[in-house]
Amino acid sequence: MAGSAHGHTPAAWTGVIISFIGFCIAGVFMVAANQPGFWAGVGVIVLGGIVGGAMKIAGLGMPKESAAVAAAREVATATAQARS
């Protein structure tokens, strides 16, 4: 498991679920040789990205790392490497 909470947000989960549904739709219609249905599925995939991005902008995604946190991480990494 990752040491961070990368991707564990409502925005990420919603975008992935919508995109997954779009992949399923596109896959079914690709096998059925139905081009309009396939492109509708691709549209749902794009919609998943748009919805996830909009939710992130609305504050439901991971906040960006501040400069202070990045500097503290670098100091901690350098200290840990010096001890090794």
PDB file of N, CA and C in Angstrom:
ATOM      1  N   MET A   1       0.840  -1.174   0.000  1.00  0.00           N
ATOM      2  CA  MET A   1       0.000   0.000   0.000  1.00  0.00           C
ATOM      3  C   MET A   1       0.884   1.235   0.000  1.00  0.00           C
ATOM      4  N   ALA A   2       0.463   2.224  -0.707  1.00  0.00           N
ATOM      5  CA  ALA A   2       1.238   3.458  -0.815  1.00  0.00           C
ATOM      6  C   ALA A   2       1.289   4.170   0.526  1.00  0.00           C
ATOM      7  N   GLY A   3       2.353   4.923   0.737  1.00  0.00           N
ATOM      8  CA  GLY A   3       2.528   5.644   1.982  1.00  0.00           C
ATOM      9  C   GLY A   3       1.758   6.951   2.014  1.00  0.00           C
ATOM     10  N   SER A   4       1.060   7.278   0.947  1.00  0.00           N
ATOM     11  CA  SER A   4       0.280   8.516   0.914  1.00  0.00           C
ATOM     12  C   SER A   4      -1.166   8.195   0.576  1.00  0.00           C
ATOM     13  N   ALA A   5      -1.994   9.208   0.635  1.00  0.00           N
ATOM     14  CA  ALA A   5      -3.420   9.037   0.330  1.00  0.00           C
ATOM     15  C   ALA A   5      -3.710   9.433  -1.111  1.00  0.00           C
ATOM     16  N   HIS A   6      -2.740   9.239  -1.994  1.00  0.00           N
ATOM     17  CA  HIS A   6      -2.898   9.634  -3.384  1.00  0.00           C
ATOM     18  C   HIS A   6      -4.103   8.939  -4.014  1.00  0.00           C
ATOM     19  N   GLY A   7      -5.054   9.724  -4.472  1.00  0.00           N
ATOM     20  CA  GLY A   7      -6.203   9.187  -5.177  1.00  0.00           C
ATOM     21  C   GLY A   7      -7.366   8.766  -4.314  1.00  0.00           C
ATOM     22  N   HIS A   8      -7.233   8.834  -3.003  1.00  0.00           N
ATOM     23  CA  HIS A   8      -8.323   8.415  -2.126  1.00  0.00           C
ATOM     24  C   HIS A   8      -9.202   9.607  -1.772  1.00  0.00           C
ATOM     25  N   THR A   9      -9.838  10.186  -2.792  1.00  0.00           N
ATOM     26  CA  THR A   9     -10.706  11.338  -2.595  1.00  0.00           C
ATOM     27  C   THR A   9     -12.010  11.107  -3.337  1.00  0.00           C
ATOM     28  N   PRO A  10     -13.071  11.809  -2.940  1.00  0.00           N
ATOM     29  CA  PRO A  10     -14.335  11.676  -3.679  1.00  0.00           C
ATOM     30  C   PRO A  10     -14.189  12.033  -5.155  1.00  0.00           C
ATOM     31  N   ALA A  11     -13.373  13.038  -5.466  1.00  0.00           N
ATOM     32  CA  ALA A  11     -13.190  13.430  -6.868  1.00  0.00           C
ATOM     33  C   ALA A  11     -12.552  12.301  -7.673  1.00  0.00           C
ATOM     34  N   ALA A  12     -11.528  11.678  -7.115  1.00  0.00           N
ATOM     35  CA  ALA A  12     -10.837  10.599  -7.824  1.00  0.00           C
ATOM     36  C   ALA A  12     -11.753   9.394  -8.011  1.00  0.00           C
ATOM     37  N   TRP A  13     -12.423   8.991  -6.954  1.00  0.00           N
ATOM     38  CA  TRP A  13     -13.300   7.822  -7.046  1.00  0.00           C
ATOM     39  C   TRP A  13     -14.443   8.059  -8.036  1.00  0.00           C
ATOM     40  N   THR A  14     -15.048   9.229  -8.000  1.00  0.00           N
ATOM     41  CA  THR A  14     -16.151   9.511  -8.911  1.00  0.00           C
ATOM     42  C   THR A  14     -15.679   9.506 -10.358  1.00  0.00           C
ATOM     43  N   GLY A  15     -14.555  10.162 -10.625  1.00  0.00           N
ATOM     44  CA  GLY A  15     -14.023  10.180 -11.990  1.00  0.00           C
ATOM     45  C   GLY A  15     -13.693   8.791 -12.502  1.00  0.00           C
ATOM     46  N   VAL A  16     -13.097   7.969 -11.655  1.00  0.00           N
ATOM     47  CA  VAL A  16     -12.727   6.607 -12.063  1.00  0.00           C
ATOM     48  C   VAL A  16     -13.965   5.745 -12.294  1.00  0.00           C
ATOM     49  N   ILE A  17     -14.951   5.857 -11.434  1.00  0.00           N
ATOM     50  CA  ILE A  17     -16.169   5.041 -11.592  1.00  0.00           C
ATOM     51  C   ILE A  17     -16.902   5.413 -12.879  1.00  0.00           C
ATOM     52  N   ILE A  18     -17.043   6.713 -13.148  1.00  0.00           N
ATOM     53  CA  ILE A  18     -17.711   7.135 -14.384  1.00  0.00           C
ATOM     54  C   ILE A  18     -16.917   6.661 -15.602  1.00  0.00           C
ATOM     55  N   SER A  19     -15.597   6.799 -15.559  1.00  0.00           N
ATOM     56  CA  SER A  19     -14.768   6.350 -16.679  1.00  0.00           C
ATOM     57  C   SER A  19     -14.847   4.831 -16.865  1.00  0.00           C
ATOM     58  N   PHE A  20     -14.886   4.085 -15.763  1.00  0.00           N
ATOM     59  CA  PHE A  20     -15.013   2.630 -15.852  1.00  0.00           C
ATOM     60  C   PHE A  20     -16.329   2.242 -16.531  1.00  0.00           C
ATOM     61  N   ILE A  21     -17.399   2.922 -16.170  1.00  0.00           N
ATOM     62  CA  ILE A  21     -18.691   2.658 -16.819  1.00  0.00           C
ATOM     63  C   ILE A  21     -18.589   2.964 -18.309  1.00  0.00           C
ATOM     64  N   GLY A  22     -17.900   4.045 -18.656  1.00  0.00           N
ATOM     65  CA  GLY A  22     -17.699   4.381 -20.066  1.00  0.00           C
ATOM     66  C   GLY A  22     -16.905   3.310 -20.806  1.00  0.00           C
ATOM     67  N   PHE A  23     -15.858   2.767 -20.156  1.00  0.00           N
ATOM     68  CA  PHE A  23     -15.093   1.681 -20.772  1.00  0.00           C
ATOM     69  C   PHE A  23     -15.973   0.459 -21.005  1.00  0.00           C
ATOM     70  N   CYS A  24     -16.818   0.152 -20.050  1.00  0.00           N
ATOM     71  CA  CYS A  24     -17.728  -0.997 -20.209  1.00  0.00           C
ATOM     72  C   CYS A  24     -18.689  -0.772 -21.366  1.00  0.00           C
ATOM     73  N   ILE A  25     -19.259   0.423 -21.442  1.00  0.00           N
ATOM     74  CA  ILE A  25     -20.185   0.750 -22.536  1.00  0.00           C
ATOM     75  C   ILE A  25     -19.467   0.637 -23.881  1.00  0.00           C
ATOM     76  N   ALA A  26     -18.293   1.255 -23.981  1.00  0.00           N
ATOM     77  CA  ALA A  26     -17.545   1.229 -25.239  1.00  0.00           C
ATOM     78  C   ALA A  26     -17.156  -0.197 -25.614  1.00  0.00           C
ATOM     79  N   GLY A  27     -16.775  -0.999 -24.624  1.00  0.00           N
ATOM     80  CA  GLY A  27     -16.400  -2.383 -24.901  1.00  0.00           C
ATOM     81  C   GLY A  27     -17.550  -3.213 -25.435  1.00  0.00           C
ATOM     82  N   VAL A  28     -18.715  -3.054 -24.826  1.00  0.00           N
ATOM     83  CA  VAL A  28     -19.888  -3.814 -25.285  1.00  0.00           C
ATOM     84  C   VAL A  28     -20.247  -3.429 -26.713  1.00  0.00           C
ATOM     85  N   PHE A  29     -20.259  -2.133 -26.996  1.00  0.00           N
ATOM     86  CA  PHE A  29     -20.641  -1.705 -28.332  1.00  0.00           C
ATOM     87  C   PHE A  29     -19.546  -1.971 -29.368  1.00  0.00           C
ATOM     88  N   MET A  30     -18.292  -2.080 -28.940  1.00  0.00           N
ATOM     89  CA  MET A  30     -17.240  -2.439 -29.884  1.00  0.00           C
ATOM     90  C   MET A  30     -17.419  -3.892 -30.326  1.00  0.00           C
ATOM     91  N   VAL A  31     -17.741  -4.766 -29.372  1.00  0.00           N
ATOM     92  CA  VAL A  31     -17.973  -6.167 -29.701  1.00  0.00           C
ATOM     93  C   VAL A  31     -19.220  -6.308 -30.575  1.00  0.00           C
ATOM     94  N   ALA A  32     -20.214  -5.451 -30.328  1.00  0.00           N
ATOM     95  CA  ALA A  32     -21.455  -5.505 -31.101  1.00  0.00           C
ATOM     96  C   ALA A  32     -21.327  -4.793 -32.451  1.00  0.00           C
ATOM     97  N   ALA A  33     -20.154  -4.225 -32.744  1.00  0.00           N
ATOM     98  CA  ALA A  33     -19.904  -3.506 -33.998  1.00  0.00           C
ATOM     99  C   ALA A  33     -20.891  -2.364 -34.197  1.00  0.00           C
ATOM    100  N   ASN A  34     -21.125  -1.624 -33.139  1.00  0.00           N
ATOM    101  CA  ASN A  34     -22.040  -0.489 -33.178  1.00  0.00           C
ATOM    102  C   ASN A  34     -21.223   0.775 -32.911  1.00  0.00           C
ATOM    103  N   GLN A  35     -20.910   1.505 -33.973  1.00  0.00           N
ATOM    104  CA  GLN A  35     -20.046   2.678 -33.828  1.00  0.00           C
ATOM    105  C   GLN A  35     -20.658   3.799 -32.989  1.00  0.00           C
ATOM    106  N   PRO A  36     -21.926   4.161 -33.169  1.00  0.00           N
ATOM    107  CA  PRO A  36     -22.477   5.238 -32.322  1.00  0.00           C
ATOM    108  C   PRO A  36     -22.437   4.889 -30.828  1.00  0.00           C
ATOM    109  N   GLY A  37     -22.720   3.647 -30.498  1.00  0.00           N
ATOM    110  CA  GLY A  37     -22.662   3.228 -29.100  1.00  0.00           C
ATOM    111  C   GLY A  37     -21.245   3.265 -28.557  1.00  0.00           C
ATOM    112  N   PHE A  38     -20.272   2.857 -29.388  1.00  0.00           N
ATOM    113  CA  PHE A  38     -18.868   2.921 -28.984  1.00  0.00           C
ATOM    114  C   PHE A  38     -18.467   4.351 -28.680  1.00  0.00           C
ATOM    115  N   TRP A  39     -18.801   5.281 -29.566  1.00  0.00           N
ATOM    116  CA  TRP A  39     -18.419   6.679 -29.354  1.00  0.00           C
ATOM    117  C   TRP A  39     -19.178   7.292 -28.182  1.00  0.00           C
ATOM    118  N   ALA A  40     -20.375   6.817 -27.912  1.00  0.00           N
ATOM    119  CA  ALA A  40     -21.092   7.268 -26.712  1.00  0.00           C
ATOM    120  C   ALA A  40     -20.325   6.827 -25.458  1.00  0.00           C
ATOM    121  N   GLY A  41     -19.793   5.614 -25.479  1.00  0.00           N
ATOM    122  CA  GLY A  41     -18.974   5.131 -24.365  1.00  0.00           C
ATOM    123  C   GLY A  41     -17.714   5.957 -24.187  1.00  0.00           C
ATOM    124  N   VAL A  42     -17.078   6.317 -25.296  1.00  0.00           N
ATOM    125  CA  VAL A  42     -15.894   7.171 -25.225  1.00  0.00           C
ATOM    126  C   VAL A  42     -16.270   8.531 -24.644  1.00  0.00           C
ATOM    127  N   GLY A  43     -17.450   9.025 -25.007  1.00  0.00           N
ATOM    128  CA  GLY A  43     -17.937  10.293 -24.439  1.00  0.00           C
ATOM    129  C   GLY A  43     -18.117  10.203 -22.933  1.00  0.00           C
ATOM    130  N   VAL A  44     -18.602   9.056 -22.452  1.00  0.00           N
ATOM    131  CA  VAL A  44     -18.764   8.865 -21.005  1.00  0.00           C
ATOM    132  C   VAL A  44     -17.396   8.828 -20.325  1.00  0.00           C
ATOM    133  N   ILE A  45     -16.395   8.243 -20.978  1.00  0.00           N
ATOM    134  CA  ILE A  45     -15.040   8.230 -20.422  1.00  0.00           C
ATOM    135  C   ILE A  45     -14.533   9.658 -20.257  1.00  0.00           C
ATOM    136  N   VAL A  46     -14.697  10.470 -21.281  1.00  0.00           N
ATOM    137  CA  VAL A  46     -14.273  11.875 -21.212  1.00  0.00           C
ATOM    138  C   VAL A  46     -15.057  12.609 -20.123  1.00  0.00           C
ATOM    139  N   LEU A  47     -16.339  12.318 -20.017  1.00  0.00           N
ATOM    140  CA  LEU A  47     -17.169  12.932 -18.986  1.00  0.00           C
ATOM    141  C   LEU A  47     -16.643  12.607 -17.591  1.00  0.00           C
ATOM    142  N   GLY A  48     -16.151  11.399 -17.390  1.00  0.00           N
ATOM    143  CA  GLY A  48     -15.571  11.017 -16.097  1.00  0.00           C
ATOM    144  C   GLY A  48     -14.386  11.899 -15.732  1.00  0.00           C
ATOM    145  N   GLY A  49     -13.539  12.191 -16.703  1.00  0.00           N
ATOM    146  CA  GLY A  49     -12.411  13.080 -16.456  1.00  0.00           C
ATOM    147  C   GLY A  49     -12.847  14.498 -16.143  1.00  0.00           C
ATOM    148  N   ILE A  50     -13.850  14.954 -16.846  1.00  0.00           N
ATOM    149  CA  ILE A  50     -14.357  16.309 -16.617  1.00  0.00           C
ATOM    150  C   ILE A  50     -14.996  16.415 -15.233  1.00  0.00           C
ATOM    151  N   VAL A  51     -15.817  15.437 -14.875  1.00  0.00           N
ATOM    152  CA  VAL A  51     -16.479  15.458 -13.558  1.00  0.00           C
ATOM    153  C   VAL A  51     -15.446  15.373 -12.436  1.00  0.00           C
ATOM    154  N   GLY A  52     -14.461  14.485 -12.566  1.00  0.00           N
ATOM    155  CA  GLY A  52     -13.410  14.378 -11.556  1.00  0.00           C
ATOM    156  C   GLY A  52     -12.633  15.675 -11.409  1.00  0.00           C
ATOM    157  N   GLY A  53     -12.299  16.300 -12.527  1.00  0.00           N
ATOM    158  CA  GLY A  53     -11.588  17.576 -12.491  1.00  0.00           C
ATOM    159  C   GLY A  53     -12.416  18.685 -11.867  1.00  0.00           C
ATOM    160  N   ALA A  54     -13.706  18.719 -12.199  1.00  0.00           N
ATOM    161  CA  ALA A  54     -14.582  19.742 -11.625  1.00  0.00           C
ATOM    162  C   ALA A  54     -14.730  19.548 -10.118  1.00  0.00           C
ATOM    163  N   MET A  55     -14.825  18.290  -9.691  1.00  0.00           N
ATOM    164  CA  MET A  55     -14.928  18.031  -8.250  1.00  0.00           C
ATOM    165  C   MET A  55     -13.642  18.411  -7.526  1.00  0.00           C
ATOM    166  N   LYS A  56     -12.497  18.201  -8.175  1.00  0.00           N
ATOM    167  CA  LYS A  56     -11.230  18.596  -7.568  1.00  0.00           C
ATOM    168  C   LYS A  56     -11.168  20.111  -7.410  1.00  0.00           C
ATOM    169  N   ILE A  57     -11.586  20.831  -8.434  1.00  0.00           N
ATOM    170  CA  ILE A  57     -11.606  22.290  -8.369  1.00  0.00           C
ATOM    171  C   ILE A  57     -12.562  22.758  -7.272  1.00  0.00           C
ATOM    172  N   ALA A  58     -13.665  22.017  -7.072  1.00  0.00           N
ATOM    173  CA  ALA A  58     -14.653  22.369  -6.048  1.00  0.00           C
ATOM    174  C   ALA A  58     -14.169  22.050  -4.637  1.00  0.00           C
ATOM    175  N   GLY A  59     -12.989  21.434  -4.511  1.00  0.00           N
ATOM    176  CA  GLY A  59     -12.426  21.180  -3.194  1.00  0.00           C
ATOM    177  C   GLY A  59     -12.575  19.759  -2.693  1.00  0.00           C
ATOM    178  N   LEU A  60     -13.004  18.839  -3.539  1.00  0.00           N
ATOM    179  CA  LEU A  60     -13.188  17.458  -3.114  1.00  0.00           C
ATOM    180  C   LEU A  60     -12.010  16.559  -3.496  1.00  0.00           C
ATOM    181  N   GLY A  61     -10.938  17.153  -3.995  1.00  0.00           N
ATOM    182  CA  GLY A  61      -9.741  16.400  -4.345  1.00  0.00           C
ATOM    183  C   GLY A  61      -8.632  16.643  -3.345  1.00  0.00           C
ATOM    184  N   MET A  62      -7.446  16.071  -3.633  1.00  0.00           N
ATOM    185  CA  MET A  62      -6.288  16.267  -2.764  1.00  0.00           C
ATOM    186  C   MET A  62      -5.790  17.698  -2.894  1.00  0.00           C
ATOM    187  N   PRO A  63      -5.517  18.344  -1.766  1.00  0.00           N
ATOM    188  CA  PRO A  63      -4.916  19.677  -1.866  1.00  0.00           C
ATOM    189  C   PRO A  63      -3.480  19.563  -2.347  1.00  0.00           C
ATOM    190  N   LYS A  64      -3.013  20.590  -3.038  1.00  0.00           N
ATOM    191  CA  LYS A  64      -1.630  20.576  -3.509  1.00  0.00           C
ATOM    192  C   LYS A  64      -0.693  20.750  -2.325  1.00  0.00           C
ATOM    193  N   GLU A  65       0.470  20.166  -2.447  1.00  0.00           N
ATOM    194  CA  GLU A  65       1.463  20.234  -1.386  1.00  0.00           C
ATOM    195  C   GLU A  65       2.046  21.650  -1.318  1.00  0.00           C
ATOM    196  N   SER A  66       2.101  22.218  -0.121  1.00  0.00           N
ATOM    197  CA  SER A  66       2.653  23.560   0.036  1.00  0.00           C
ATOM    198  C   SER A  66       4.178  23.521  -0.038  1.00  0.00           C
ATOM    199  N   ALA A  67       4.771  24.683  -0.218  1.00  0.00           N
ATOM    200  CA  ALA A  67       6.231  24.772  -0.302  1.00  0.00           C
ATOM    201  C   ALA A  67       6.873  24.366   1.021  1.00  0.00           C
ATOM    202  N   ALA A  68       6.217  24.690   2.135  1.00  0.00           N
ATOM    203  CA  ALA A  68       6.764  24.333   3.448  1.00  0.00           C
ATOM    204  C   ALA A  68       6.795  22.817   3.640  1.00  0.00           C
ATOM    205  N   VAL A  69       5.750  22.146   3.207  1.00  0.00           N
ATOM    206  CA  VAL A  69       5.700  20.691   3.336  1.00  0.00           C
ATOM    207  C   VAL A  69       6.759  20.047   2.435  1.00  0.00           C
ATOM    208  N   ALA A  70       6.921  20.566   1.220  1.00  0.00           N
ATOM    209  CA  ALA A  70       7.931  20.027   0.305  1.00  0.00           C
ATOM    210  C   ALA A  70       9.335  20.208   0.879  1.00  0.00           C
ATOM    211  N   ALA A  71       9.597  21.380   1.476  1.00  0.00           N
ATOM    212  CA  ALA A  71      10.917  21.625   2.072  1.00  0.00           C
ATOM    213  C   ALA A  71      11.156  20.698   3.260  1.00  0.00           C
ATOM    214  N   ALA A  72      10.141  20.498   4.087  1.00  0.00           N
ATOM    215  CA  ALA A  72      10.279  19.602   5.237  1.00  0.00           C
ATOM    216  C   ALA A  72      10.526  18.167   4.783  1.00  0.00           C
ATOM    217  N   ARG A  73       9.878  17.755   3.695  1.00  0.00           N
ATOM    218  CA  ARG A  73      10.082  16.403   3.174  1.00  0.00           C
ATOM    219  C   ARG A  73      11.524  16.226   2.686  1.00  0.00           C
ATOM    220  N   GLU A  74      12.056  17.248   2.021  1.00  0.00           N
ATOM    221  CA  GLU A  74      13.440  17.175   1.541  1.00  0.00           C
ATOM    222  C   GLU A  74      14.423  17.087   2.706  1.00  0.00           C
ATOM    223  N   VAL A  75      14.194  17.876   3.759  1.00  0.00           N
ATOM    224  CA  VAL A  75      15.066  17.839   4.932  1.00  0.00           C
ATOM    225  C   VAL A  75      15.010  16.463   5.584  1.00  0.00           C
ATOM    226  N   ALA A  76      13.815  15.912   5.724  1.00  0.00           N
ATOM    227  CA  ALA A  76      13.661  14.593   6.337  1.00  0.00           C
ATOM    228  C   ALA A  76      14.340  13.507   5.512  1.00  0.00           C
ATOM    229  N   THR A  77      14.218  13.600   4.189  1.00  0.00           N
ATOM    230  CA  THR A  77      14.852  12.619   3.309  1.00  0.00           C
ATOM    231  C   THR A  77      16.374  12.712   3.421  1.00  0.00           C
ATOM    232  N   ALA A  78      16.888  13.942   3.413  1.00  0.00           N
ATOM    233  CA  ALA A  78      18.339  14.125   3.521  1.00  0.00           C
ATOM    234  C   ALA A  78      18.847  13.626   4.867  1.00  0.00           C
ATOM    235  N   THR A  79      18.100  13.857   5.931  1.00  0.00           N
ATOM    236  CA  THR A  79      18.493  13.387   7.261  1.00  0.00           C
ATOM    237  C   THR A  79      18.496  11.864   7.318  1.00  0.00           C
ATOM    238  N   ALA A  80      17.483  11.260   6.738  1.00  0.00           N
ATOM    239  CA  ALA A  80      17.395   9.785   6.743  1.00  0.00           C
ATOM    240  C   ALA A  80      18.527   9.179   5.923  1.00  0.00           C
ATOM    241  N   GLN A  81      18.885   9.812   4.824  1.00  0.00           N
ATOM    242  CA  GLN A  81      19.963   9.286   3.993  1.00  0.00           C
ATOM    243  C   GLN A  81      21.315   9.463   4.681  1.00  0.00           C
ATOM    244  N   ALA A  82      21.459  10.550   5.434  1.00  0.00           N
ATOM    245  CA  ALA A  82      22.723  10.781   6.136  1.00  0.00           C
ATOM    246  C   ALA A  82      22.930   9.751   7.251  1.00  0.00           C
ATOM    247  N   ARG A  83      21.859   9.289   7.844  1.00  0.00           N
ATOM    248  CA  ARG A  83      21.945   8.298   8.933  1.00  0.00           C
ATOM    249  C   ARG A  83      22.245   6.908   8.394  1.00  0.00           C
ATOM    250  N   SER A  84      21.948   6.654   7.137  1.00  0.00           N
ATOM    251  CA  SER A  84      22.151   5.308   6.567  1.00  0.00           C
ATOM    252  C   SER A  84      23.583   5.025   6.241  1.00  0.00           C
TER     253      SER A  84
END
